[in-house]
Amino acid sequence: ESGGGLVQAGSSLRLSCVVSGRTFVTDVMAWFR
């Protein structure tokens, strides 16, 4: 993961998750916090 940081309320962020290794089209990718 990348893209986090310290930001002010009201702003926006786009987080990224780069995947390596075997994947399949039906695999589920998710975000948790």
mmCIF file of all heavy atoms, coordinates in Angstrom:
data_MODEL
# 
_entry.id   MODEL 
# 
loop_
_atom_site.group_PDB 
_atom_site.id 
_atom_site.type_symbol 
_atom_site.label_atom_id 
_atom_site.label_alt_id 
_atom_site.label_comp_id 
_atom_site.label_asym_id 
_atom_site.label_entity_id 
_atom_site.label_seq_id 
_atom_site.pdbx_PDB_ins_code 
_atom_site.Cartn_x 
_atom_site.Cartn_y 
_atom_site.Cartn_z 
_atom_site.occupancy 
_atom_site.B_iso_or_equiv 
_atom_site.pdbx_formal_charge 
_atom_site.auth_seq_id 
_atom_site.auth_comp_id 
_atom_site.auth_asym_id 
_atom_site.auth_atom_id 
_atom_site.pdbx_PDB_model_num 
ATOM 1   N N   . GLU A 1 1  ? 0.827   -1.195  0.000   1.00 0.00 ? 1  GLU A N   1 
ATOM 2   C CA  . GLU A 1 1  ? 0.000   0.000   0.000   1.00 0.00 ? 1  GLU A CA  1 
ATOM 3   C C   . GLU A 1 1  ? 0.866   1.250   0.000   1.00 0.00 ? 1  GLU A C   1 
ATOM 4   O O   . GLU A 1 1  ? 1.990   1.247   0.511   1.00 0.00 ? 1  GLU A O   1 
ATOM 5   C CB  . GLU A 1 1  ? -0.924  0.043   1.231   1.00 0.00 ? 1  GLU A CB  1 
ATOM 6   C CG  . GLU A 1 1  ? -1.829  -1.158  1.389   1.00 0.00 ? 1  GLU A CG  1 
ATOM 7   C CD  . GLU A 1 1  ? -1.292  -2.157  2.386   1.00 0.00 ? 1  GLU A CD  1 
ATOM 8   O OE1 . GLU A 1 1  ? -0.053  -2.277  2.524   1.00 0.00 ? 1  GLU A OE1 1 
ATOM 9   O OE2 . GLU A 1 1  ? -2.114  -2.826  3.044   1.00 0.00 ? 1  GLU A OE2 1 
ATOM 10  N N   . SER A 1 2  ? 0.300   2.325   -0.532  1.00 0.00 ? 2  SER A N   1 
ATOM 11  C CA  . SER A 1 2  ? 0.942   3.623   -0.477  1.00 0.00 ? 2  SER A CA  1 
ATOM 12  C C   . SER A 1 2  ? -0.132  4.692   -0.626  1.00 0.00 ? 2  SER A C   1 
ATOM 13  O O   . SER A 1 2  ? -1.283  4.397   -0.929  1.00 0.00 ? 2  SER A O   1 
ATOM 14  C CB  . SER A 1 2  ? 2.000   3.778   -1.570  1.00 0.00 ? 2  SER A CB  1 
ATOM 15  O OG  . SER A 1 2  ? 1.420   3.714   -2.858  1.00 0.00 ? 2  SER A OG  1 
ATOM 16  N N   . GLY A 1 3  ? 0.254   5.936   -0.404  1.00 0.00 ? 3  GLY A N   1 
ATOM 17  C CA  . GLY A 1 3  ? -0.643  7.051   -0.625  1.00 0.00 ? 3  GLY A CA  1 
ATOM 18  C C   . GLY A 1 3  ? -1.166  7.721   0.617   1.00 0.00 ? 3  GLY A C   1 
ATOM 19  O O   . GLY A 1 3  ? -1.825  8.769   0.521   1.00 0.00 ? 3  GLY A O   1 
ATOM 20  N N   . GLY A 1 4  ? -0.908  7.148   1.777   1.00 0.00 ? 4  GLY A N   1 
ATOM 21  C CA  . GLY A 1 4  ? -1.359  7.768   3.004   1.00 0.00 ? 4  GLY A CA  1 
ATOM 22  C C   . GLY A 1 4  ? -0.518  8.975   3.361   1.00 0.00 ? 4  GLY A C   1 
ATOM 23  O O   . GLY A 1 4  ? 0.472   9.299   2.706   1.00 0.00 ? 4  GLY A O   1 
ATOM 24  N N   . GLY A 1 5  ? -0.931  9.644   4.410   1.00 0.00 ? 5  GLY A N   1 
ATOM 25  C CA  . GLY A 1 5  ? -0.204  10.813  4.858   1.00 0.00 ? 5  GLY A CA  1 
ATOM 26  C C   . GLY A 1 5  ? -1.009  11.621  5.838   1.00 0.00 ? 5  GLY A C   1 
ATOM 27  O O   . GLY A 1 5  ? -2.084  11.212  6.281   1.00 0.00 ? 5  GLY A O   1 
ATOM 28  N N   . LEU A 1 6  ? -0.472  12.772  6.190   1.00 0.00 ? 6  LEU A N   1 
ATOM 29  C CA  . LEU A 1 6  ? -1.126  13.714  7.087   1.00 0.00 ? 6  LEU A CA  1 
ATOM 30  C C   . LEU A 1 6  ? -1.804  14.780  6.245   1.00 0.00 ? 6  LEU A C   1 
ATOM 31  O O   . LEU A 1 6  ? -1.139  15.495  5.485   1.00 0.00 ? 6  LEU A O   1 
ATOM 32  C CB  . LEU A 1 6  ? -0.106  14.340  8.032   1.00 0.00 ? 6  LEU A CB  1 
ATOM 33  C CG  . LEU A 1 6  ? -0.601  15.454  8.950   1.00 0.00 ? 6  LEU A CG  1 
ATOM 34  C CD1 . LEU A 1 6  ? -1.678  14.934  9.890   1.00 0.00 ? 6  LEU A CD1 1 
ATOM 35  C CD2 . LEU A 1 6  ? 0.564   16.046  9.726   1.00 0.00 ? 6  LEU A CD2 1 
ATOM 36  N N   . VAL A 1 7  ? -3.116  14.885  6.375   1.00 0.00 ? 7  VAL A N   1 
ATOM 37  C CA  . VAL A 1 7  ? -3.890  15.817  5.568   1.00 0.00 ? 7  VAL A CA  1 
ATOM 38  C C   . VAL A 1 7  ? -4.889  16.554  6.446   1.00 0.00 ? 7  VAL A C   1 
ATOM 39  O O   . VAL A 1 7  ? -5.215  16.122  7.556   1.00 0.00 ? 7  VAL A O   1 
ATOM 40  C CB  . VAL A 1 7  ? -4.630  15.109  4.425   1.00 0.00 ? 7  VAL A CB  1 
ATOM 41  C CG1 . VAL A 1 7  ? -3.639  14.446  3.471   1.00 0.00 ? 7  VAL A CG1 1 
ATOM 42  C CG2 . VAL A 1 7  ? -5.600  14.073  4.973   1.00 0.00 ? 7  VAL A CG2 1 
ATOM 43  N N   . GLN A 1 8  ? -5.378  17.652  5.928   1.00 0.00 ? 8  GLN A N   1 
ATOM 44  C CA  . GLN A 1 8  ? -6.388  18.427  6.625   1.00 0.00 ? 8  GLN A CA  1 
ATOM 45  C C   . GLN A 1 8  ? -7.782  17.899  6.331   1.00 0.00 ? 8  GLN A C   1 
ATOM 46  O O   . GLN A 1 8  ? -8.048  17.358  5.252   1.00 0.00 ? 8  GLN A O   1 
ATOM 47  C CB  . GLN A 1 8  ? -6.306  19.898  6.226   1.00 0.00 ? 8  GLN A CB  1 
ATOM 48  C CG  . GLN A 1 8  ? -5.043  20.605  6.676   1.00 0.00 ? 8  GLN A CG  1 
ATOM 49  C CD  . GLN A 1 8  ? -5.053  22.075  6.322   1.00 0.00 ? 8  GLN A CD  1 
ATOM 50  O OE1 . GLN A 1 8  ? -5.807  22.513  5.456   1.00 0.00 ? 8  GLN A OE1 1 
ATOM 51  N NE2 . GLN A 1 8  ? -4.224  22.844  6.985   1.00 0.00 ? 8  GLN A NE2 1 
ATOM 52  N N   . ALA A 1 9  ? -8.655  18.057  7.287   1.00 0.00 ? 9  ALA A N   1 
ATOM 53  C CA  . ALA A 1 9  ? -10.039 17.681  7.083   1.00 0.00 ? 9  ALA A CA  1 
ATOM 54  C C   . ALA A 1 9  ? -10.605 18.385  5.853   1.00 0.00 ? 9  ALA A C   1 
ATOM 55  O O   . ALA A 1 9  ? -10.325 19.563  5.610   1.00 0.00 ? 9  ALA A O   1 
ATOM 56  C CB  . ALA A 1 9  ? -10.868 18.016  8.316   1.00 0.00 ? 9  ALA A CB  1 
ATOM 57  N N   . GLY A 1 10 ? -11.386 17.645  5.084   1.00 0.00 ? 10 GLY A N   1 
ATOM 58  C CA  . GLY A 1 10 ? -11.977 18.174  3.875   1.00 0.00 ? 10 GLY A CA  1 
ATOM 59  C C   . GLY A 1 10 ? -11.186 17.882  2.616   1.00 0.00 ? 10 GLY A C   1 
ATOM 60  O O   . GLY A 1 10 ? -11.712 18.050  1.512   1.00 0.00 ? 10 GLY A O   1 
ATOM 61  N N   . SER A 1 11 ? -9.959  17.450  2.750   1.00 0.00 ? 11 SER A N   1 
ATOM 62  C CA  . SER A 1 11 ? -9.137  17.133  1.592   1.00 0.00 ? 11 SER A CA  1 
ATOM 63  C C   . SER A 1 11 ? -9.401  15.703  1.131   1.00 0.00 ? 11 SER A C   1 
ATOM 64  O O   . SER A 1 11 ? -10.232 14.992  1.700   1.00 0.00 ? 11 SER A O   1 
ATOM 65  C CB  . SER A 1 11 ? -7.658  17.339  1.910   1.00 0.00 ? 11 SER A CB  1 
ATOM 66  O OG  . SER A 1 11 ? -7.241  16.472  2.947   1.00 0.00 ? 11 SER A OG  1 
ATOM 67  N N   . SER A 1 12 ? -8.673  15.289  0.094   1.00 0.00 ? 12 SER A N   1 
ATOM 68  C CA  . SER A 1 12 ? -8.857  13.969  -0.495  1.00 0.00 ? 12 SER A CA  1 
ATOM 69  C C   . SER A 1 12 ? -7.531  13.243  -0.609  1.00 0.00 ? 12 SER A C   1 
ATOM 70  O O   . SER A 1 12 ? -6.465  13.862  -0.692  1.00 0.00 ? 12 SER A O   1 
ATOM 71  C CB  . SER A 1 12 ? -9.492  14.085  -1.885  1.00 0.00 ? 12 SER A CB  1 
ATOM 72  O OG  . SER A 1 12 ? -10.767 14.688  -1.831  1.00 0.00 ? 12 SER A OG  1 
ATOM 73  N N   . LEU A 1 13 ? -7.610  11.930  -0.622  1.00 0.00 ? 13 LEU A N   1 
ATOM 74  C CA  . LEU A 1 13 ? -6.458  11.070  -0.836  1.00 0.00 ? 13 LEU A CA  1 
ATOM 75  C C   . LEU A 1 13 ? -6.844  9.932   -1.763  1.00 0.00 ? 13 LEU A C   1 
ATOM 76  O O   . LEU A 1 13 ? -7.996  9.495   -1.773  1.00 0.00 ? 13 LEU A O   1 
ATOM 77  C CB  . LEU A 1 13 ? -5.946  10.469  0.472   1.00 0.00 ? 13 LEU A CB  1 
ATOM 78  C CG  . LEU A 1 13 ? -5.111  11.334  1.406   1.00 0.00 ? 13 LEU A CG  1 
ATOM 79  C CD1 . LEU A 1 13 ? -4.866  10.572  2.702   1.00 0.00 ? 13 LEU A CD1 1 
ATOM 80  C CD2 . LEU A 1 13 ? -3.797  11.719  0.754   1.00 0.00 ? 13 LEU A CD2 1 
ATOM 81  N N   . ARG A 1 14 ? -5.879  9.456   -2.507  1.00 0.00 ? 14 ARG A N   1 
ATOM 82  C CA  . ARG A 1 14 ? -6.041  8.224   -3.254  1.00 0.00 ? 14 ARG A CA  1 
ATOM 83  C C   . ARG A 1 14 ? -4.969  7.243   -2.813  1.00 0.00 ? 14 ARG A C   1 
ATOM 84  O O   . ARG A 1 14 ? -3.774  7.471   -3.021  1.00 0.00 ? 14 ARG A O   1 
ATOM 85  C CB  . ARG A 1 14 ? -5.954  8.436   -4.766  1.00 0.00 ? 14 ARG A CB  1 
ATOM 86  C CG  . ARG A 1 14 ? -6.352  7.170   -5.550  1.00 0.00 ? 14 ARG A CG  1 
ATOM 87  C CD  . ARG A 1 14 ? -6.320  7.349   -7.048  1.00 0.00 ? 14 ARG A CD  1 
ATOM 88  N NE  . ARG A 1 14 ? -4.965  7.422   -7.557  1.00 0.00 ? 14 ARG A NE  1 
ATOM 89  C CZ  . ARG A 1 14 ? -4.633  7.269   -8.846  1.00 0.00 ? 14 ARG A CZ  1 
ATOM 90  N NH1 . ARG A 1 14 ? -5.598  7.057   -9.744  1.00 0.00 ? 14 ARG A NH1 1 
ATOM 91  N NH2 . ARG A 1 14 ? -3.371  7.364   -9.227  1.00 0.00 ? 14 ARG A NH2 1 
ATOM 92  N N   . LEU A 1 15 ? -5.400  6.178   -2.191  1.00 0.00 ? 15 LEU A N   1 
ATOM 93  C CA  . LEU A 1 15 ? -4.502  5.130   -1.751  1.00 0.00 ? 15 LEU A CA  1 
ATOM 94  C C   . LEU A 1 15 ? -4.320  4.113   -2.866  1.00 0.00 ? 15 LEU A C   1 
ATOM 95  O O   . LEU A 1 15 ? -5.240  3.854   -3.638  1.00 0.00 ? 15 LEU A O   1 
ATOM 96  C CB  . LEU A 1 15 ? -5.049  4.433   -0.508  1.00 0.00 ? 15 LEU A CB  1 
ATOM 97  C CG  . LEU A 1 15 ? -5.489  5.341   0.644   1.00 0.00 ? 15 LEU A CG  1 
ATOM 98  C CD1 . LEU A 1 15 ? -5.959  4.495   1.814   1.00 0.00 ? 15 LEU A CD1 1 
ATOM 99  C CD2 . LEU A 1 15 ? -4.363  6.281   1.052   1.00 0.00 ? 15 LEU A CD2 1 
ATOM 100 N N   . SER A 1 16 ? -3.139  3.526   -2.928  1.00 0.00 ? 16 SER A N   1 
ATOM 101 C CA  . SER A 1 16 ? -2.829  2.537   -3.947  1.00 0.00 ? 16 SER A CA  1 
ATOM 102 C C   . SER A 1 16 ? -2.395  1.237   -3.301  1.00 0.00 ? 16 SER A C   1 
ATOM 103 O O   . SER A 1 16 ? -1.749  1.235   -2.256  1.00 0.00 ? 16 SER A O   1 
ATOM 104 C CB  . SER A 1 16 ? -1.709  3.030   -4.870  1.00 0.00 ? 16 SER A CB  1 
ATOM 105 O OG  . SER A 1 16 ? -2.088  4.193   -5.564  1.00 0.00 ? 16 SER A OG  1 
ATOM 106 N N   . CYS A 1 17 ? -2.740  0.144   -3.943  1.00 0.00 ? 17 CYS A N   1 
ATOM 107 C CA  . CYS A 1 17 ? -2.304  -1.184  -3.532  1.00 0.00 ? 17 CYS A CA  1 
ATOM 108 C C   . CYS A 1 17 ? -1.768  -1.887  -4.767  1.00 0.00 ? 17 CYS A C   1 
ATOM 109 O O   . CYS A 1 17 ? -2.542  -2.217  -5.674  1.00 0.00 ? 17 CYS A O   1 
ATOM 110 C CB  . CYS A 1 17 ? -3.459  -1.968  -2.915  1.00 0.00 ? 17 CYS A CB  1 
ATOM 111 S SG  . CYS A 1 17 ? -3.082  -3.696  -2.544  1.00 0.00 ? 17 CYS A SG  1 
ATOM 112 N N   . VAL A 1 18 ? -0.470  -2.106  -4.805  1.00 0.00 ? 18 VAL A N   1 
ATOM 113 C CA  . VAL A 1 18 ? 0.166   -2.786  -5.918  1.00 0.00 ? 18 VAL A CA  1 
ATOM 114 C C   . VAL A 1 18 ? 0.286   -4.264  -5.580  1.00 0.00 ? 18 VAL A C   1 
ATOM 115 O O   . VAL A 1 18 ? 0.801   -4.625  -4.516  1.00 0.00 ? 18 VAL A O   1 
ATOM 116 C CB  . VAL A 1 18 ? 1.544   -2.186  -6.231  1.00 0.00 ? 18 VAL A CB  1 
ATOM 117 C CG1 . VAL A 1 18 ? 2.208   -2.955  -7.371  1.00 0.00 ? 18 VAL A CG1 1 
ATOM 118 C CG2 . VAL A 1 18 ? 1.414   -0.720  -6.595  1.00 0.00 ? 18 VAL A CG2 1 
ATOM 119 N N   . VAL A 1 19 ? -0.168  -5.092  -6.490  1.00 0.00 ? 19 VAL A N   1 
ATOM 120 C CA  . VAL A 1 19 ? -0.250  -6.530  -6.268  1.00 0.00 ? 19 VAL A CA  1 
ATOM 121 C C   . VAL A 1 19 ? 0.779   -7.244  -7.124  1.00 0.00 ? 19 VAL A C   1 
ATOM 122 O O   . VAL A 1 19 ? 0.893   -6.989  -8.325  1.00 0.00 ? 19 VAL A O   1 
ATOM 123 C CB  . VAL A 1 19 ? -1.658  -7.052  -6.602  1.00 0.00 ? 19 VAL A CB  1 
ATOM 124 C CG1 . VAL A 1 19 ? -1.753  -8.558  -6.329  1.00 0.00 ? 19 VAL A CG1 1 
ATOM 125 C CG2 . VAL A 1 19 ? -2.708  -6.297  -5.803  1.00 0.00 ? 19 VAL A CG2 1 
ATOM 126 N N   . SER A 1 20 ? 1.516   -8.142  -6.525  1.00 0.00 ? 20 SER A N   1 
ATOM 127 C CA  . SER A 1 20 ? 2.430   -9.006  -7.259  1.00 0.00 ? 20 SER A CA  1 
ATOM 128 C C   . SER A 1 20 ? 2.113   -10.455 -6.934  1.00 0.00 ? 20 SER A C   1 
ATOM 129 O O   . SER A 1 20 ? 1.546   -10.762 -5.887  1.00 0.00 ? 20 SER A O   1 
ATOM 130 C CB  . SER A 1 20 ? 3.884   -8.684  -6.926  1.00 0.00 ? 20 SER A CB  1 
ATOM 131 O OG  . SER A 1 20 ? 4.155   -8.902  -5.547  1.00 0.00 ? 20 SER A OG  1 
ATOM 132 N N   . GLY A 1 21 ? 2.504   -11.342 -7.838  1.00 0.00 ? 21 GLY A N   1 
ATOM 133 C CA  . GLY A 1 21 ? 2.204   -12.749 -7.658  1.00 0.00 ? 21 GLY A CA  1 
ATOM 134 C C   . GLY A 1 21 ? 0.987   -13.169 -8.464  1.00 0.00 ? 21 GLY A C   1 
ATOM 135 O O   . GLY A 1 21 ? 0.413   -12.383 -9.216  1.00 0.00 ? 21 GLY A O   1 
ATOM 136 N N   . ARG A 1 22 ? 0.596   -14.392 -8.281  1.00 0.00 ? 22 ARG A N   1 
ATOM 137 C CA  . ARG A 1 22 ? -0.518  -14.941 -9.043  1.00 0.00 ? 22 ARG A CA  1 
ATOM 138 C C   . ARG A 1 22 ? -1.840  -14.363 -8.590  1.00 0.00 ? 22 ARG A C   1 
ATOM 139 O O   . ARG A 1 22 ? -2.131  -14.303 -7.396  1.00 0.00 ? 22 ARG A O   1 
ATOM 140 C CB  . ARG A 1 22 ? -0.550  -16.461 -8.897  1.00 0.00 ? 22 ARG A CB  1 
ATOM 141 C CG  . ARG A 1 22 ? 0.593   -17.182 -9.588  1.00 0.00 ? 22 ARG A CG  1 
ATOM 142 C CD  . ARG A 1 22 ? 0.430   -18.682 -9.463  1.00 0.00 ? 22 ARG A CD  1 
ATOM 143 N NE  . ARG A 1 22 ? 1.458   -19.410 -10.191 1.00 0.00 ? 22 ARG A NE  1 
ATOM 144 C CZ  . ARG A 1 22 ? 1.533   -20.729 -10.269 1.00 0.00 ? 22 ARG A CZ  1 
ATOM 145 N NH1 . ARG A 1 22 ? 0.621   -21.478 -9.650  1.00 0.00 ? 22 ARG A NH1 1 
ATOM 146 N NH2 . ARG A 1 22 ? 2.506   -21.300 -10.952 1.00 0.00 ? 22 ARG A NH2 1 
ATOM 147 N N   . THR A 1 23 ? -2.625  -13.958 -9.565  1.00 0.00 ? 23 THR A N   1 
ATOM 148 C CA  . THR A 1 23 ? -3.973  -13.493 -9.306  1.00 0.00 ? 23 THR A CA  1 
ATOM 149 C C   . THR A 1 23 ? -4.921  -14.120 -10.317 1.00 0.00 ? 23 THR A C   1 
ATOM 150 O O   . THR A 1 23 ? -4.505  -14.550 -11.396 1.00 0.00 ? 23 THR A O   1 
ATOM 151 C CB  . THR A 1 23 ? -4.088  -11.968 -9.389  1.00 0.00 ? 23 THR A CB  1 
ATOM 152 O OG1 . THR A 1 23 ? -3.710  -11.532 -10.700 1.00 0.00 ? 23 THR A OG1 1 
ATOM 153 C CG2 . THR A 1 23 ? -3.187  -11.306 -8.358  1.00 0.00 ? 23 THR A CG2 1 
ATOM 154 N N   . PHE A 1 24 ? -6.173  -14.146 -9.963  1.00 0.00 ? 24 PHE A N   1 
ATOM 155 C CA  . PHE A 1 24 ? -7.206  -14.679 -10.831 1.00 0.00 ? 24 PHE A CA  1 
ATOM 156 C C   . PHE A 1 24 ? -8.326  -13.658 -10.927 1.00 0.00 ? 24 PHE A C   1 
ATOM 157 O O   . PHE A 1 24 ? -8.527  -12.854 -10.017 1.00 0.00 ? 24 PHE A O   1 
ATOM 158 C CB  . PHE A 1 24 ? -7.730  -16.012 -10.299 1.00 0.00 ? 24 PHE A CB  1 
ATOM 159 C CG  . PHE A 1 24 ? -6.669  -17.063 -10.199 1.00 0.00 ? 24 PHE A CG  1 
ATOM 160 C CD1 . PHE A 1 24 ? -5.934  -17.218 -9.042  1.00 0.00 ? 24 PHE A CD1 1 
ATOM 161 C CD2 . PHE A 1 24 ? -6.398  -17.894 -11.268 1.00 0.00 ? 24 PHE A CD2 1 
ATOM 162 C CE1 . PHE A 1 24 ? -4.948  -18.182 -8.947  1.00 0.00 ? 24 PHE A CE1 1 
ATOM 163 C CE2 . PHE A 1 24 ? -5.413  -18.870 -11.194 1.00 0.00 ? 24 PHE A CE2 1 
ATOM 164 C CZ  . PHE A 1 24 ? -4.687  -19.006 -10.027 1.00 0.00 ? 24 PHE A CZ  1 
ATOM 165 N N   . VAL A 1 25 ? -9.060  -13.716 -12.025 1.00 0.00 ? 25 VAL A N   1 
ATOM 166 C CA  . VAL A 1 25 ? -10.040 -12.673 -12.296 1.00 0.00 ? 25 VAL A CA  1 
ATOM 167 C C   . VAL A 1 25 ? -11.138 -12.631 -11.251 1.00 0.00 ? 25 VAL A C   1 
ATOM 168 O O   . VAL A 1 25 ? -11.767 -11.588 -11.065 1.00 0.00 ? 25 VAL A O   1 
ATOM 169 C CB  . VAL A 1 25 ? -10.649 -12.829 -13.702 1.00 0.00 ? 25 VAL A CB  1 
ATOM 170 C CG1 . VAL A 1 25 ? -9.578  -12.646 -14.759 1.00 0.00 ? 25 VAL A CG1 1 
ATOM 171 C CG2 . VAL A 1 25 ? -11.331 -14.187 -13.862 1.00 0.00 ? 25 VAL A CG2 1 
ATOM 172 N N   . THR A 1 26 ? -11.366 -13.728 -10.573 1.00 0.00 ? 26 THR A N   1 
ATOM 173 C CA  . THR A 1 26 ? -12.408 -13.755 -9.553  1.00 0.00 ? 26 THR A CA  1 
ATOM 174 C C   . THR A 1 26 ? -11.896 -13.412 -8.159  1.00 0.00 ? 26 THR A C   1 
ATOM 175 O O   . THR A 1 26 ? -12.689 -13.352 -7.215  1.00 0.00 ? 26 THR A O   1 
ATOM 176 C CB  . THR A 1 26 ? -13.091 -15.120 -9.507  1.00 0.00 ? 26 THR A CB  1 
ATOM 177 O OG1 . THR A 1 26 ? -12.106 -16.145 -9.334  1.00 0.00 ? 26 THR A OG1 1 
ATOM 178 C CG2 . THR A 1 26 ? -13.858 -15.381 -10.803 1.00 0.00 ? 26 THR A CG2 1 
ATOM 179 N N   . ASP A 1 27 ? -10.603 -13.205 -8.028  1.00 0.00 ? 27 ASP A N   1 
ATOM 180 C CA  . ASP A 1 27 ? -10.067 -12.820 -6.729  1.00 0.00 ? 27 ASP A CA  1 
ATOM 181 C C   . ASP A 1 27 ? -10.697 -11.521 -6.261  1.00 0.00 ? 27 ASP A C   1 
ATOM 182 O O   . ASP A 1 27 ? -10.989 -10.623 -7.052  1.00 0.00 ? 27 ASP A O   1 
ATOM 183 C CB  . ASP A 1 27 ? -8.557  -12.645 -6.794  1.00 0.00 ? 27 ASP A CB  1 
ATOM 184 C CG  . ASP A 1 27 ? -7.817  -13.956 -6.912  1.00 0.00 ? 27 ASP A CG  1 
ATOM 185 O OD1 . ASP A 1 27 ? -8.438  -15.025 -6.820  1.00 0.00 ? 27 ASP A OD1 1 
ATOM 186 O OD2 . ASP A 1 27 ? -6.579  -13.903 -7.112  1.00 0.00 ? 27 ASP A OD2 1 
ATOM 187 N N   . VAL A 1 28 ? -10.879 -11.423 -4.963  1.00 0.00 ? 28 VAL A N   1 
ATOM 188 C CA  . VAL A 1 28 ? -11.405 -10.213 -4.349  1.00 0.00 ? 28 VAL A CA  1 
ATOM 189 C C   . VAL A 1 28 ? -10.261 -9.406  -3.753  1.00 0.00 ? 28 VAL A C   1 
ATOM 190 O O   . VAL A 1 28 ? -9.431  -9.941  -3.019  1.00 0.00 ? 28 VAL A O   1 
ATOM 191 C CB  . VAL A 1 28 ? -12.446 -10.547 -3.267  1.00 0.00 ? 28 VAL A CB  1 
ATOM 192 C CG1 . VAL A 1 28 ? -12.809 -9.306  -2.456  1.00 0.00 ? 28 VAL A CG1 1 
ATOM 193 C CG2 . VAL A 1 28 ? -13.696 -11.137 -3.907  1.00 0.00 ? 28 VAL A CG2 1 
ATOM 194 N N   . MET A 1 29 ? -10.243 -8.132  -4.069  1.00 0.00 ? 29 MET A N   1 
ATOM 195 C CA  . MET A 1 29 ? -9.334  -7.185  -3.454  1.00 0.00 ? 29 MET A CA  1 
ATOM 196 C C   . MET A 1 29 ? -10.156 -6.248  -2.587  1.00 0.00 ? 29 MET A C   1 
ATOM 197 O O   . MET A 1 29 ? -11.208 -5.773  -3.011  1.00 0.00 ? 29 MET A O   1 
ATOM 198 C CB  . MET A 1 29 ? -8.574  -6.391  -4.508  1.00 0.00 ? 29 MET A CB  1 
ATOM 199 C CG  . MET A 1 29 ? -7.767  -7.241  -5.469  1.00 0.00 ? 29 MET A CG  1 
ATOM 200 S SD  . MET A 1 29 ? -6.438  -8.151  -4.636  1.00 0.00 ? 29 MET A SD  1 
ATOM 201 C CE  . MET A 1 29 ? -5.522  -6.799  -3.898  1.00 0.00 ? 29 MET A CE  1 
ATOM 202 N N   . ALA A 1 30 ? -9.672  -5.979  -1.405  1.00 0.00 ? 30 ALA A N   1 
ATOM 203 C CA  . ALA A 1 30 ? -10.452 -5.190  -0.467  1.00 0.00 ? 30 ALA A CA  1 
ATOM 204 C C   . ALA A 1 30 ? -9.575  -4.200  0.279   1.00 0.00 ? 30 ALA A C   1 
ATOM 205 O O   . ALA A 1 30 ? -8.359  -4.373  0.397   1.00 0.00 ? 30 ALA A O   1 
ATOM 206 C CB  . ALA A 1 30 ? -11.170 -6.099  0.531   1.00 0.00 ? 30 ALA A CB  1 
ATOM 207 N N   . TRP A 1 31 ? -10.225 -3.181  0.779   1.00 0.00 ? 31 TRP A N   1 
ATOM 208 C CA  . TRP A 1 31 ? -9.616  -2.223  1.696   1.00 0.00 ? 31 TRP A CA  1 
ATOM 209 C C   . TRP A 1 31 ? -10.298 -2.331  3.050   1.00 0.00 ? 31 TRP A C   1 
ATOM 210 O O   . TRP A 1 31 ? -11.528 -2.376  3.145   1.00 0.00 ? 31 TRP A O   1 
ATOM 211 C CB  . TRP A 1 31 ? -9.746  -0.789  1.185   1.00 0.00 ? 31 TRP A CB  1 
ATOM 212 C CG  . TRP A 1 31 ? -8.863  -0.472  0.021   1.00 0.00 ? 31 TRP A CG  1 
ATOM 213 C CD1 . TRP A 1 31 ? -9.188  -0.488  -1.293  1.00 0.00 ? 31 TRP A CD1 1 
ATOM 214 C CD2 . TRP A 1 31 ? -7.490  -0.067  0.098   1.00 0.00 ? 31 TRP A CD2 1 
ATOM 215 N NE1 . TRP A 1 31 ? -8.108  -0.128  -2.063  1.00 0.00 ? 31 TRP A NE1 1 
ATOM 216 C CE2 . TRP A 1 31 ? -7.051  0.136   -1.231  1.00 0.00 ? 31 TRP A CE2 1 
ATOM 217 C CE3 . TRP A 1 31 ? -6.593  0.145   1.146   1.00 0.00 ? 31 TRP A CE3 1 
ATOM 218 C CZ2 . TRP A 1 31 ? -5.743  0.546   -1.537  1.00 0.00 ? 31 TRP A CZ2 1 
ATOM 219 C CZ3 . TRP A 1 31 ? -5.301  0.537   0.842   1.00 0.00 ? 31 TRP A CZ3 1 
ATOM 220 C CH2 . TRP A 1 31 ? -4.897  0.736   -0.477  1.00 0.00 ? 31 TRP A CH2 1 
ATOM 221 N N   . PHE A 1 32 ? -9.480  -2.379  4.073   1.00 0.00 ? 32 PHE A N   1 
ATOM 222 C CA  . PHE A 1 32 ? -9.921  -2.303  5.455   1.00 0.00 ? 32 PHE A CA  1 
ATOM 223 C C   . PHE A 1 32 ? -9.193  -1.150  6.125   1.00 0.00 ? 32 PHE A C   1 
ATOM 224 O O   . PHE A 1 32 ? -8.175  -0.672  5.628   1.00 0.00 ? 32 PHE A O   1 
ATOM 225 C CB  . PHE A 1 32 ? -9.614  -3.595  6.216   1.00 0.00 ? 32 PHE A CB  1 
ATOM 226 C CG  . PHE A 1 32 ? -10.420 -4.788  5.788   1.00 0.00 ? 32 PHE A CG  1 
ATOM 227 C CD1 . PHE A 1 32 ? -10.118 -5.481  4.632   1.00 0.00 ? 32 PHE A CD1 1 
ATOM 228 C CD2 . PHE A 1 32 ? -11.487 -5.228  6.566   1.00 0.00 ? 32 PHE A CD2 1 
ATOM 229 C CE1 . PHE A 1 32 ? -10.848 -6.583  4.239   1.00 0.00 ? 32 PHE A CE1 1 
ATOM 230 C CE2 . PHE A 1 32 ? -12.226 -6.341  6.189   1.00 0.00 ? 32 PHE A CE2 1 
ATOM 231 C CZ  . PHE A 1 32 ? -11.909 -7.014  5.023   1.00 0.00 ? 32 PHE A CZ  1 
ATOM 232 N N   . ARG A 1 33 ? -9.700  -0.741  7.259   1.00 0.00 ? 33 ARG A N   1 
ATOM 233 C CA  . ARG A 1 33 ? -8.984  0.248   8.049   1.00 0.00 ? 33 ARG A CA  1 
ATOM 234 C C   . ARG A 1 33 ? -9.082  -0.115  9.519   1.00 0.00 ? 33 ARG A C   1 
ATOM 235 O O   . ARG A 1 33 ? -10.006 -0.791  9.950   1.00 0.00 ? 33 ARG A O   1 
ATOM 236 C CB  . ARG A 1 33 ? -9.519  1.663   7.812   1.00 0.00 ? 33 ARG A CB  1 
ATOM 237 C CG  . ARG A 1 33 ? -10.913 1.918   8.359   1.00 0.00 ? 33 ARG A CG  1 
ATOM 238 C CD  . ARG A 1 33 ? -11.368 3.326   8.006   1.00 0.00 ? 33 ARG A CD  1 
ATOM 239 N NE  . ARG A 1 33 ? -12.626 3.671   8.640   1.00 0.00 ? 33 ARG A NE  1 
ATOM 240 C CZ  . ARG A 1 33 ? -13.260 4.816   8.457   1.00 0.00 ? 33 ARG A CZ  1 
ATOM 241 N NH1 . ARG A 1 33 ? -12.742 5.748   7.639   1.00 0.00 ? 33 ARG A NH1 1 
ATOM 242 N NH2 . ARG A 1 33 ? -14.407 5.053   9.080   1.00 0.00 ? 33 ARG A NH2 1 
# 
